[in-house]
Amino acid sequence: MVRGRGWRVVFMACTVSCSGASSSDVTNPLGNPGGGSGATVPTGPVAPLIVGVMQADPLGYLEYTPGDAPLVIIAPHGGTLRPASLADRTCTGCETANDLETQALARLVVDRLHAATGARPHLVVNRLHRVKFDANRDVGEATGGTSALQAPWVWLHAAVDSAEAVVQRQHGRGLVIDLHGHAHTIARLELGYLLDGAVLRGTDSVLTTTAALDRSSVARLARDTRSGADRGVALLRGPRSLGTLLASGGFAAVPSAQDPAPRVEEPFFEGGYNTRRHGSLSGGILDAIQIEAPNVGVRDTEANRARFADVLTRSLRSFLATQYGWERAP
C-alpha cells in the first residue's frame, strides 16, 4: 500500500520491483552471485519467516531476523564490510563515518528483551561500512550512485516492511527503534521524532496548538496511545516517555522530563530517512524513534554497552506496556 512516502509495499512473502510492480522476484541487475547473468533473485525476505532465523539479501550485505514482539530494531550504520568491488560513496555531503558498536548494541537489546520476555524483537542490520552504503538515506545518497547497491537498498526496506506486516498481524501496532551513534560534545542520548530543536523548545501549549506531533514519527501514537494521560506532548517528555525512562535509568536523554529540549546552538539529531519512512507520520501502524547514543559511557566498552542495553530494554518494556498495552513474561 502506498502511503505518500515513495513506493512502498507491506508484505509477507511477496516482493516488489524497483518500478513498483508486484513480483516474487526480479532480474538481478548484478547477475546471480551464485549463477549466470540474468537469473532472478528475491527483492526482500521470503517465506517462511521464522522467528530467530536470520535471512540475508542475495549479496550478503544486509540481514533480517524475524521476531514476534511489536518492536523492530534497525542498525543502519554499524557495518564493517568494505568490498573492493563497490566504489566508495563520494556524493556531495555524504557522511561516511561509521556509528561504532551500534550493531553490537542492537544485538544486545534483542537478546536482553528476548531473555526478559520470551519474545524477540525484529532485527534489521546493515553489514556494509557507511563509506560504501548508507542505510538511512534515500536511494541516491544511500548508494552514492553505485547501481549494484540499488537492489540491496530495496531489500533493506522490504525487510522492514516484512517486519511491519508481522507486527500488524500479531499485535496491530508497534514501534521502530533506529539505533545510531553520535560524536557531539554533550554525552546524552538524542531521541529523534522528526521534530527539530526549535520546535522542541516550544512550550507544551505551543507544541499542542501548532499540532507539532502530527508532523512527527509518532503521530499516530500521539493520538491514540493506550494511555490517555500520555497523549500529545507527554509522549515526548512526560513522566512515562522513552526519554524520561532512559534518563531515570542513568542515561541522560533529550527530550525528556529531565531535559525537555536542546538549547539554542546545541547539536541535535531529529531523525532521518528511516524514521520518516517507517514511522507513523503518514499513518502507518509502526511509530518510529531514532536513538542517537554517545560513545563515552554507552558504546565505548563492553561493560557500558551491556549496562545501556539493560536500561534500554527495561525502558522499552515499560514504554510498550504503557503506550501499546504489550506486556509479556517468559
Protein backbone atom coordinates (compact mmCIF):
# COMPACT_ATOMS: atom_id res chain seq x y z
CA MET A 1 0.00 0.00 0.00
CA VAL A 2 1.40 3.38 -0.95
CA ARG A 3 1.32 5.94 1.85
CA GLY A 4 2.81 9.12 0.46
CA ARG A 5 6.49 8.36 1.07
CA GLY A 6 7.56 6.92 -2.26
CA TRP A 7 6.55 3.45 -3.40
CA ARG A 8 6.27 1.01 -0.56
CA VAL A 9 4.69 -2.39 -0.14
CA VAL A 10 3.86 -4.23 3.06
CA PHE A 11 4.20 -7.93 2.51
CA MET A 12 4.99 -11.29 3.98
CA ALA A 13 6.39 -13.43 1.19
CA CYS A 14 5.64 -11.20 -1.79
CA THR A 15 8.19 -8.70 -3.04
CA VAL A 16 8.30 -5.52 -5.07
CA SER A 17 10.34 -4.47 -8.06
CA CYS A 18 12.13 -1.16 -8.45
CA SER A 19 9.34 0.02 -10.73
CA GLY A 20 6.72 -0.71 -8.08
CA ALA A 21 5.19 -3.76 -9.79
CA SER A 22 4.48 -6.73 -7.54
CA SER A 23 6.52 -9.83 -8.27
CA SER A 24 8.02 -12.80 -6.48
CA ASP A 25 11.41 -11.81 -7.84
CA VAL A 26 13.09 -9.53 -10.34
CA THR A 27 16.01 -9.91 -12.69
CA ASN A 28 19.17 -9.37 -10.68
CA PRO A 29 20.91 -6.28 -12.11
CA LEU A 30 24.22 -7.76 -10.94
CA GLY A 31 23.61 -11.21 -12.33
CA ASN A 32 23.20 -14.10 -9.93
CA PRO A 33 26.08 -14.14 -7.40
CA GLY A 34 25.87 -17.93 -7.47
CA GLY A 35 24.92 -18.47 -11.11
CA GLY A 36 24.64 -16.98 -14.55
CA SER A 37 23.75 -13.46 -15.59
CA GLY A 38 20.05 -12.74 -15.80
CA ALA A 39 18.98 -15.06 -13.02
CA THR A 40 16.23 -13.89 -10.73
CA VAL A 41 16.65 -13.11 -7.05
CA PRO A 42 14.24 -12.14 -4.26
CA THR A 43 13.84 -8.42 -3.68
CA GLY A 44 13.13 -8.99 0.01
CA PRO A 45 12.92 -11.70 2.67
CA VAL A 46 10.91 -14.72 1.57
CA ALA A 47 8.58 -17.10 3.35
CA PRO A 48 8.77 -18.85 5.64
CA LEU A 49 9.73 -16.10 8.06
CA ILE A 50 10.81 -17.98 11.18
CA VAL A 51 11.31 -16.20 14.49
CA GLY A 52 15.02 -16.01 15.28
CA VAL A 53 16.16 -17.39 11.91
CA MET A 54 18.19 -14.79 10.03
CA GLN A 55 17.82 -14.16 6.30
CA ALA A 56 20.43 -12.25 4.29
CA ASP A 57 20.00 -10.46 0.99
CA PRO A 58 21.44 -12.27 -2.04
CA LEU A 59 24.76 -10.41 -1.79
CA GLY A 60 25.15 -10.88 1.94
CA TYR A 61 25.17 -7.15 2.71
CA LEU A 62 22.01 -7.00 4.81
CA GLU A 63 20.24 -9.25 7.27
CA TYR A 64 16.77 -9.57 8.72
CA THR A 65 15.95 -11.74 11.72
CA PRO A 66 12.18 -12.03 12.23
CA GLY A 67 10.71 -11.60 15.68
CA ASP A 68 7.40 -11.91 17.48
CA ALA A 69 7.42 -8.74 19.62
CA PRO A 70 5.82 -5.46 18.45
CA LEU A 71 9.30 -3.95 18.15
CA VAL A 72 11.60 -3.50 15.13
CA ILE A 73 15.23 -2.52 15.70
CA ILE A 74 17.32 -1.19 12.82
CA ALA A 75 21.12 -0.87 12.96
CA PRO A 76 21.93 1.08 9.78
CA HIS A 77 25.44 2.45 10.35
CA GLY A 78 27.45 -0.16 12.25
CA GLY A 79 28.59 -2.42 9.41
CA THR A 80 32.24 -3.21 8.69
CA LEU A 81 32.25 -4.79 5.21
CA ARG A 82 34.14 -2.76 2.60
CA PRO A 83 34.12 -4.83 -0.62
CA ALA A 84 36.67 -3.58 -3.13
CA SER A 85 34.11 -4.22 -5.87
CA LEU A 86 31.96 -1.38 -4.51
CA ALA A 87 33.05 2.20 -5.04
CA ASP A 88 33.31 4.48 -2.03
CA ARG A 89 30.48 7.00 -1.73
CA THR A 90 31.74 10.42 -2.78
CA CYS A 91 28.49 12.34 -3.23
CA THR A 92 28.39 15.94 -2.03
CA GLY A 93 27.51 15.99 1.66
CA CYS A 94 27.77 12.22 2.06
CA GLU A 95 28.51 11.12 5.60
CA THR A 96 30.87 8.15 5.65
CA ALA A 97 31.86 7.80 9.33
CA ASN A 98 30.54 4.64 10.98
CA ASP A 99 28.48 4.55 14.18
CA LEU A 100 30.83 2.32 16.15
CA GLU A 101 29.34 -0.58 18.13
CA THR A 102 25.72 0.23 17.30
CA GLN A 103 25.33 -3.15 15.64
CA ALA A 104 26.58 -4.82 18.82
CA LEU A 105 24.15 -2.71 20.87
CA ALA A 106 21.22 -3.69 18.67
CA ARG A 107 22.01 -7.38 19.05
CA LEU A 108 22.37 -7.00 22.81
CA VAL A 109 18.97 -5.35 23.13
CA VAL A 110 17.35 -8.11 21.09
CA ASP A 111 18.96 -10.75 23.30
CA ARG A 112 18.08 -8.94 26.55
CA LEU A 113 14.45 -8.41 25.62
CA HIS A 114 14.12 -12.00 24.46
CA ALA A 115 15.59 -13.25 27.74
CA ALA A 116 13.30 -10.99 29.77
CA THR A 117 10.04 -11.65 27.93
CA GLY A 118 10.40 -14.74 25.79
CA ALA A 119 9.55 -12.58 22.75
CA ARG A 120 12.11 -11.45 20.19
CA PRO A 121 12.24 -8.03 18.51
CA HIS A 122 12.63 -7.96 14.74
CA LEU A 123 16.20 -7.01 13.78
CA VAL A 124 17.38 -5.39 10.54
CA VAL A 125 21.15 -4.91 10.17
CA ASN A 126 23.32 -3.30 7.51
CA ARG A 127 26.66 -5.14 7.30
CA LEU A 128 28.29 -2.66 4.91
CA HIS A 129 30.53 0.15 6.10
CA ARG A 130 28.94 3.55 5.66
CA VAL A 131 31.63 4.59 3.19
CA LYS A 132 30.04 2.06 0.83
CA PHE A 133 26.34 2.27 1.72
CA ASP A 134 24.24 4.48 3.97
CA ALA A 135 21.20 2.58 5.21
CA ASN A 136 19.43 5.73 6.44
CA ARG A 137 19.15 7.72 3.22
CA ASP A 138 17.08 7.73 0.05
CA VAL A 139 18.38 5.51 -2.71
CA GLY A 140 20.56 8.09 -4.44
CA GLU A 141 22.52 9.16 -1.39
CA ALA A 142 22.44 5.70 0.18
CA THR A 143 24.20 4.12 -2.79
CA GLY A 144 26.32 7.08 -3.85
CA GLY A 145 25.22 6.32 -7.38
CA THR A 146 26.52 2.74 -7.35
CA SER A 147 23.91 0.80 -9.32
CA ALA A 148 24.95 -2.50 -7.74
CA LEU A 149 23.56 -1.25 -4.42
CA GLN A 150 20.08 -0.40 -5.66
CA ALA A 151 18.84 -3.98 -5.14
CA PRO A 152 20.20 -4.16 -1.55
CA TRP A 153 18.52 -0.82 -0.80
CA VAL A 154 15.21 -2.27 -1.99
CA TRP A 155 15.81 -5.41 0.10
CA LEU A 156 16.57 -3.34 3.22
CA HIS A 157 13.24 -1.54 3.21
CA ALA A 158 11.37 -4.65 2.13
CA ALA A 159 12.77 -6.30 5.28
CA VAL A 160 11.35 -3.54 7.48
CA ASP A 161 8.05 -3.83 5.61
CA SER A 162 8.08 -7.59 6.25
CA ALA A 163 8.53 -6.91 9.97
CA GLU A 164 5.69 -4.40 9.83
CA ALA A 165 3.38 -6.96 8.24
CA VAL A 166 4.15 -9.47 11.00
CA VAL A 167 3.66 -6.86 13.73
CA GLN A 168 0.34 -5.81 12.22
CA ARG A 169 -0.92 -9.38 12.03
CA GLN A 170 0.21 -10.33 15.54
CA HIS A 171 -0.22 -7.09 17.51
CA GLY A 172 -1.95 -4.47 15.38
CA ARG A 173 0.57 -1.76 16.29
CA GLY A 174 4.29 -1.49 17.01
CA LEU A 175 7.44 0.58 17.32
CA VAL A 176 10.63 1.02 15.29
CA ILE A 177 13.89 1.97 17.02
CA ASP A 178 16.52 3.24 14.57
CA LEU A 179 19.78 2.95 16.53
CA HIS A 180 22.69 5.30 15.86
CA GLY A 181 25.76 6.80 17.48
CA HIS A 182 26.78 10.46 17.61
CA ALA A 183 30.02 12.35 18.32
CA HIS A 184 28.52 15.51 19.80
CA THR A 185 30.28 17.07 22.78
CA ILE A 186 27.27 16.63 25.05
CA ALA A 187 27.22 12.99 26.13
CA ARG A 188 23.49 12.33 26.16
CA LEU A 189 21.03 10.29 24.19
CA GLU A 190 19.24 12.21 21.45
CA LEU A 191 15.77 10.92 20.62
CA GLY A 192 14.55 11.86 17.17
CA TYR A 193 10.85 12.23 16.40
CA LEU A 194 11.30 14.36 13.23
CA LEU A 195 10.97 17.48 15.41
CA ASP A 196 13.97 19.80 15.46
CA GLY A 197 15.37 21.68 18.43
CA ALA A 198 13.50 24.87 17.66
CA VAL A 199 10.18 23.02 17.71
CA LEU A 200 11.03 21.13 20.90
CA ARG A 201 11.92 24.38 22.67
CA GLY A 202 8.30 25.45 22.38
CA THR A 203 6.12 25.21 25.45
CA ASP A 204 3.75 22.28 25.84
CA SER A 205 0.84 24.52 24.90
CA VAL A 206 2.63 25.79 21.78
CA LEU A 207 3.52 22.26 20.71
CA THR A 208 -0.12 21.29 21.19
CA THR A 209 -1.71 24.28 19.45
CA THR A 210 0.69 24.03 16.49
CA ALA A 211 -0.08 20.30 16.17
CA ALA A 212 3.64 19.52 16.18
CA LEU A 213 3.03 15.87 16.99
CA ASP A 214 1.04 15.49 13.78
CA ARG A 215 4.32 16.13 11.95
CA SER A 216 6.26 13.59 13.97
CA SER A 217 7.25 9.96 13.51
CA VAL A 218 4.91 9.02 16.37
CA ALA A 219 1.92 10.93 15.01
CA ARG A 220 -0.47 8.03 15.33
CA LEU A 221 0.63 7.08 18.82
CA ALA A 222 0.29 10.69 19.97
CA ARG A 223 -3.39 10.49 19.04
CA ASP A 224 -4.33 7.02 20.22
CA THR A 225 -1.87 5.74 22.79
CA ARG A 226 -3.35 3.18 25.20
CA SER A 227 -2.53 5.65 27.98
CA GLY A 228 -4.75 8.70 27.67
CA ALA A 229 -2.50 10.62 30.07
CA ASP A 230 0.39 10.27 27.62
CA ARG A 231 -1.25 11.66 24.52
CA GLY A 232 0.39 14.57 22.75
CA VAL A 233 3.44 16.30 24.21
CA ALA A 234 3.63 13.93 27.18
CA LEU A 235 4.77 11.29 24.72
CA LEU A 236 7.94 13.34 24.11
CA ARG A 237 8.86 14.45 27.63
CA GLY A 238 6.23 13.27 30.07
CA PRO A 239 6.99 11.03 33.04
CA ARG A 240 6.49 7.85 31.01
CA SER A 241 8.11 8.98 27.76
CA LEU A 242 11.02 6.92 26.47
CA GLY A 243 13.49 9.74 27.10
CA THR A 244 12.38 10.11 30.71
CA LEU A 245 12.58 6.35 31.29
CA LEU A 246 16.12 6.26 29.92
CA ALA A 247 17.20 9.28 31.95
CA SER A 248 15.72 7.75 35.08
CA GLY A 249 17.85 4.69 34.35
CA GLY A 250 21.03 6.75 34.42
CA PHE A 251 21.44 7.80 30.78
CA ALA A 252 20.82 11.50 30.13
CA ALA A 253 18.38 11.95 27.25
CA VAL A 254 16.75 14.75 25.29
CA PRO A 255 13.81 15.26 25.03
CA SER A 256 12.78 14.02 28.47
CA ALA A 257 11.28 15.40 31.66
CA GLN A 258 14.83 15.98 32.87
CA ASP A 259 15.98 17.70 29.65
CA PRO A 260 12.93 18.86 27.65
CA ALA A 261 14.74 20.23 24.59
CA PRO A 262 18.20 21.01 23.24
CA ARG A 263 19.22 24.58 23.86
CA VAL A 264 19.93 27.02 21.06
CA GLU A 265 23.19 26.13 19.28
CA GLU A 266 23.33 22.67 20.85
CA PRO A 267 23.60 19.98 18.15
CA PHE A 268 20.70 17.58 17.92
CA PHE A 269 19.69 14.80 15.53
CA GLU A 270 15.94 14.94 14.94
CA GLY A 271 15.58 11.73 12.94
CA GLY A 272 16.31 10.73 9.37
CA TYR A 273 15.09 8.75 6.40
CA ASN A 274 14.21 5.54 8.25
CA THR A 275 12.29 7.41 10.94
CA ARG A 276 10.32 9.27 8.31
CA ARG A 277 9.67 6.32 6.02
CA HIS A 278 8.81 3.70 8.61
CA GLY A 279 7.20 5.82 11.32
CA SER A 280 3.55 6.85 11.53
CA LEU A 281 3.89 10.32 10.01
CA SER A 282 1.89 9.09 7.03
CA GLY A 283 -0.46 6.90 9.02
CA GLY A 284 1.36 3.57 9.21
CA ILE A 285 0.93 1.05 12.02
CA LEU A 286 4.53 1.48 13.19
CA ASP A 287 5.72 4.51 15.13
CA ALA A 288 9.45 5.28 14.97
CA ILE A 289 12.06 6.84 17.24
CA GLN A 290 15.66 7.42 16.27
CA ILE A 291 18.09 6.98 19.17
CA GLU A 292 21.48 8.64 18.84
CA ALA A 293 23.84 7.33 21.52
CA PRO A 294 27.12 8.97 22.58
CA ASN A 295 30.27 6.91 22.58
CA VAL A 296 31.61 7.57 26.07
CA GLY A 297 29.61 5.78 28.72
CA VAL A 298 27.38 3.97 26.24
CA ARG A 299 29.21 2.44 23.28
CA ASP A 300 32.88 2.60 24.29
CA THR A 301 33.28 -0.55 26.38
CA GLU A 302 31.64 -3.94 26.60
CA ALA A 303 30.52 -3.19 30.17
CA ASN A 304 28.93 0.13 29.17
CA ARG A 305 27.18 -1.45 26.20
CA ALA A 306 25.75 -4.13 28.44
CA ARG A 307 24.60 -1.57 31.02
CA PHE A 308 22.93 0.56 28.38
CA ALA A 309 21.31 -2.45 26.72
CA ASP A 310 19.81 -3.43 30.07
CA VAL A 311 18.39 0.06 30.68
CA LEU A 312 17.11 0.42 27.13
CA THR A 313 15.44 -2.99 27.36
CA ARG A 314 13.69 -2.11 30.63
CA SER A 315 12.66 1.27 29.22
CA LEU A 316 11.28 -0.27 26.05
CA ARG A 317 9.31 -2.87 28.01
CA SER A 318 7.76 -0.14 30.12
CA PHE A 319 7.07 2.04 27.08
CA LEU A 320 5.49 -0.81 25.12
CA ALA A 321 3.30 -1.75 28.09
CA THR A 322 2.13 1.80 28.74
CA GLN A 323 1.68 3.03 25.19
CA TYR A 324 0.77 -0.17 23.30
CA GLY A 325 -0.62 -2.40 26.01
CA TRP A 326 2.02 -5.07 25.34
CA GLU A 327 3.33 -6.98 28.33
CA ARG A 328 4.87 -10.41 28.30
CA ALA A 329 7.00 -12.52 30.63
CA PRO A 330 8.75 -15.79 29.74
